[in-house]
Amino acid sequence: MAPDAGESGGELPPPVKKKSPAEEEAEKRRKKLTPGSLMKGIIRSGSGDATPADGDQVILHCTTRTIDGIVVNSTRREHGGKGIPLRFVLGKSKMILGFAEGFPTMLKGEIAMFKMQPKIHYAEDDCPVATPDGFPKDDELQFEIEMLDFFKAKVVADDLGVVKKIVEEGKGWETPREPYEITARITARTADGKEIIPSKEEAYFFTIGKSEVPKGLEMGIGTMAHKEKAIIFVSSTYLTKSSLMPQLEGLEEVHFYIELVQFIQVRDMLGDGRLIKRRVVDGKGEFPMDCPLHDSLLRVHYKGMLLDEPKSVFYDTRADNDGEPLEFCSGEGLVPEGFEMCVRLMLPGEKSIVTCPPDFAYDKFPRPANVPEGAHVQWEIELLGFEMPKDWTGLTFEEIMDEADKIKNTGNRLFKEGKFELAKAKYDKVLREYNHVHPHDDEEGKIFANSRSSLHLNVAFCYQKMGEYRKSIETCNKVLDANPVHVKALYRRGTSFMLLGDFNDARNDFEKMITIDKSSEQDATAALLKLKQKEQEAEKKARKQFKGLFDKKPGEISEVGVESDGGKDAGDARGNGGEATSADRGVNTNDSPTSESEYAFEEERPGLLGSLWPSARMIFSSLGMNRCAIL
C-alpha cells in the first residue's frame, strides 16, 4: 500500500522563503501590467548577456516623446537636456512601473524604446514619484532609454545621495573612520564628464572628520579598504565646501575616482581627545581579531617622552634596558592604564605613537624619577608579539586548580594595591572558566565548590570597595543560594546591607551568623555594635534635620533643617575602618583579599525620613527643594 502524503517517508515540501516588504510591493505593482500596457522595441543591441538585477545601479539617458514624436523631456543636450545621465538603484530607487519592469531586460550599451500606457508611468495609482510640471501623464508615451552602464552598487547614504562602485577590491576588511589620516589619489568629474579635479601622480592627504573633503566623499572613503579603487557618486546634498573643493556653484553631482593608497589608524581612546593612539607602521594580521584584546603576556619596545619643547626622553627600552624589550602581563596593572589600553589594540609588528594625559599615565602609577607630577607624555610603542593565556582544555583537575590559584593570587595583589576593578576582572575570569570545569568525584567537587564560593565573595568584596553595594549583595546571594549557612557570605552581605542603609537586613545576617557558628560570635557581636552605632548616627542626623518639625502648633509653619555639607558624620568618612574579622579569616584566607578593612562608608546614609521613604530625597531634589515647609 502506498503511504499517505502525511506518513513518514514522504518528501517534505521545501520551506517557503518569506518575501521582503520591497518584494511584496514589487509583486503588487506588477499585477497592474496588462497585455499591451508595456511594449519594448530594440533600436540598438547591447553587448554581453548580463542584465541589471536588484542592488545594481543603472546609468542611462532617457528621452520621452508623445506618440506623435514630440519630445516632452530628455537628459540629452541635443533635445534640450543638461547632458547629465540618470542614476537609479534597482530595488531601492523610486521609479515609474515601466522603468522598474523595463530596465532589468536591457543589456549594457543597448538602446530601446518603451511604449507605456498612462497607468504604467505617471498616471499609476499611488505612483511613488512626482509628475514633472506640465507632463502629459494621461497620454500614452514613448521612453527612449540608452543603458550606459550598470554595476553592483554600495549604497552609502540611505537617500542614495552617495553610492559607490568598486573598481578594484582592496586588502583586508578594516575601513577608515574619524579621526583616521588618509592618503588617496583623487580625480573628479561632473556627471556630464567635465573634469574638475585633474588626475595627479601625487596623493592627497587629509584627516577624516576635519571637513577637508566634501562630506559625501568622506562617507564613501569610509567604506573603502586599503588599496581599494572605487568611483563614488555624490549628489549636491552631500557636496559640502572643503579645502579640496572650495567652489561648488552649479554642481548637481560629482563622480570621484579614488585610489585609497593608505590610511593611518588614529583612535581617540577616551572620546575626548586626550588619549590618542596613532598607528605609524602597520602590523601583521587582521584588526582587531589578531590584537591582544584578552589578558596576555606582551613583549614591547617603547620610548617615553615628555611633551615639552624640545621633547625629552625619560625612558627607552633599547637604551635603558640593555636593549631588551619590556615583558608584562596585561590586566595586572603593571603598566600605566593608557599604555595598556593602546597596546591591546595593536597588531604584532605594529608601531604606534600614543599621546597620554597625566591621569592615564603616571599620576596614578609609580612615576619615574624624571617625570614630574601632572606630566603629559608620549610613548612610541612597538608590539613585538604576545602569548595568549594557557588553554585549560585537556588539563587535569589539579592543573586547572593550580592555574586558577595563579590568577586568583594576581587578583589578590591587585586588590591590596587598591585596583579593585582589575582584581574583580581576574576573579571573574576564573569564574567564567569554571563554567567548563566538571569535577570527577566528591572530593574534587568539594574543593571546586569552596574555590568558586571564595571567588564569588572576593568579587562581592570588590563591589563593596567600589561602592556598588547592591551588586555585592547579589553576588553574596549566589553563595548563599548554594549554601545558606555560609558564615563569611552572611558577614559580607550583612556588611553591604549596613553600608547601603538596610539596617534590619544587616542585623538579620549578623544574628544568623551566631546561630550557625558560635566561633563567629565575636565578629558578629562587633558587627552588631557597629550597626547600632550607624543606626544611632542616622537617627541623630534625622533629628537634627527635622528639628522643630513637630513642635509647632497647628497652623504654624516649620522648616526642615538641612545639615551643611561640611557637617561631620562618621558615615561620610572615606576609608573609615575596623579590623579584619575571623569571619574573613576563617574561610580560605589565602584565596581572599581580607587584610583590608571591611568597613568603607563612602556615601551619605539616609536619615530617618529617608529610611521610611527612600524616594523622598530624590523627589524633593528633582523639584529643586532642598528645604521643605510643612503646614
Foldseek 3Di string as FASTA:
>chain_A
DDDDCPDPPHDDDDDDDDDDPLVVVLVVLVVPDDPPQKDKDWPFAADDDAADDAQKKWWKWKWKAAPVGHTPDTCPVVNPHPLFTDIDHQSQDAAFQNCNVPRRVGHAQTKMKMWHALCRHDNPVPRVDDDPPPDPSRGTMIMIMGGHDMDRWDQLDSVSQKIKDWPFAADAQQADAPFKKFWKFKWKAASNGHTDRDGDPGTDIDTHPPQQAFQSVSSVSRRHHAQTWMKMKHAPVRHDAHVVHNDDPPGGIMIMTMGGHDIWDWDPLVPPPAKIKTWDFAADDHPPVQFQLDWWWFWKWKWKWFPDVPIDTPDGCCPPVVHGTDIDTPLLPPAFQSVNSRSRGHHAQIKIKIWHWQVRHPLLHPDDPPADHRTTMIMTMHTNDIGDDDDCPPPDLVVLVVVLLVLLLSLLVCVVVVNLVSSLVSLVVSVVVCVPDDDDDPVSVVVSLLLNLQSLQQNLLSCVLVVNLVVSLVSLVVNCVVPVLLLLSLQSNLQSCLLQQVLVSSLVSLVSNCVRDVVCVVVSVVVVVVSVVSLVLQAVQQCQQCPPVPVDDPPDKDKGHDDDPPDDGLLQDAQDFDAQGVSCVVGPVSSHNRRGGSDGNHDDHHHPVCVVPVCVVVVCVVVVHPMDMDD
